[in-house]
Amino acid sequence: MLARAVGATPWGIDALPVEVEVESRFGLPGLQLVGLADAAVRESRERMRSAIRNTGIELPSRSVVINLAPADLRKEGNHLDLAITVGYLAAHGQIPLASLDGRVFCGELGLDGALRPVRGALAIAALARSLRAREVLLPADNAAQAACLAGTRAIPIRSLAEAVEHLTGAASLEPALPAGSGGELSFHPDLAEVRGQAAARRALEVAAAGGHNLLLCGPPGSGKTMLARRMPGLLPELQHEEAILVTKIHSLATDLPALGLITARPFRSPHAGVSTAGLIGGGPVPRPGEVTLAHGGVLFLDELPEFRRDTLEALRQPLEDGSVSVVRAKARVVFPSRFVLLAAMNPCPCGYHGDSRHDCRCPPSRIDSYRGRISGPLLDRIDLQIEVPPVALRELQQRAGESSAAVARRVGQARERQRKRWAAGLRLPALGEPQCNAFLPASSVDELCRPEPAGRQLLERAYDKLGLSVRAVHRVLRVARTLADLGDTLEIAAEHVAEALQYRLPSEPSR
């Protein structure tokens, strides 16, 4: 007898369908599993046999062949256990063949028949919806998250016995209800704890409001990392479409429990020793890197010059295109990577260049070499570049500044203006794409970021005198648009252009 069941295997941030074909026939007892399966999938044979025995189902000894189609797609992980097992039972007459039609199966089996959670519940739900499946059978720990995707009927399964009862009609299981928010919700430190640093605080607010990249440069102890750690508290929660995509990415790429939709924007801070594949993504079966895990949120690179040069240069494509293309011999996977780059660095190797309270021990050639680790093309993609000087003692004794909540209200209002602008006059972004000024398409910059005549003249003088690139001009205009949104003004005035240029061109400390 031949049975067919549909399972899923992860691929990038999506899941691809796998048709499990099981043929049971008279012959010498044995089981063959074919179809380019990795070790974890091949071991599912032993998990399946033990789970069936411990569920109390007796099967005759027959010759069985299990094929995982398509044969040229590499299958990995623990996602196919349930699909293989229900196909095996249907081929032996324990489950009606018709009950497998229109259903997608996914889950890892324990030896006792219990169903364990797997990565990528939302991706599997999206696959089931695209296949127009009537149901997707998932482990109970995954079903609530999968149900967050509209149009998905996710059936929570706790054991193989429950799956058999549901498929035979002995018991009918109700679909799971959508889970609430969860995942990476955490406490964020308050911006009010930062004393002084008015210019850096302002730059942080502008970066949060418009989704602009920001570089903080200053000596040790000036508060660069302290400021950066307060960025998540300034950002609004993810919109529903953004939350779907962010949760889909994290549920496939990490081993976090499937608590529900992630509504807090991601904040990723990889160590300077991260590999290029770890930052950008890669592997035999491509997996997303830190730039994709930061999609919709912030990627913080502390001690920027300490990262490998080739790793930093690999950031140029995601910063410009908002996506990463990972190409392998037999596959090409595109990962989303719309994030705010937040970076911090010292002005020199010893850290005290330009600090009046400490002597810098670095010769000019070493300072130039240190700063040269960050290439001009990469700096050209960073909208805001600001120096963070040491804090004076009198500033430490001042009253606390604005709280994160107060700044976040202005950021939220500015982002709402941007969202309405996207909805009114721009092409609709892809599902889950942030709608910020920093990501305005170049074709819309001239129309939506047109400054007043005085501001236009100021920009023209800066372009000629300072040798700005066309990319830099567009980024200055996007920042000026954000400054106008923060001020709740429709027109971009000369003062907005001047402030945007000031962030673009940090002063050079004297040697």
Foldseek 3Di string as FASTA:
>chain_A
DKAWAWEWADFALAIDIKIKIKAWDADAFDEAEAQQEDPLVVCLVVLLVLQCVLLPHDADRTYMYIYIPPRPDHGYDQWCSLRNNVRHCCNRVLFPRVLRPLEYETFHGGSNFFTDAAFQLCNRLVVSVVVNRPAYEGAQQSQQQNQLDPPYFYFHDGGPNVVSCCRRVVDPTHGHHHFDADDPDDDADKQLLDFDPPVVLVVLLLCQQFVFAEEEEAFPPLCQVVSVSRSQLQHAWADSLLQSSLSSLDRHQHPDGCRHTHGRQDEAEDALADDLCQAAWDDPRTYGHVLLNNAREEYEYEAVLSHALVSLVQVLVCLVPQWGWYDDPPDIDIGGGRYHYYYYHAQFPVRCFLAPVDDDPDDPVRSCVSVVSQPPSSLLSHQFYEYRYHDDPVRSVDRGDDISVVSSVLSVQLQVVQVVVCVPDHDDDPRSHRRGLSPDDPVCLCPQLPADPLLVVVLVVCCVPVVRDPSNSSSLSSSLSSVCSSVVHRHRYNVSSVVSVPRSDDDDRDD
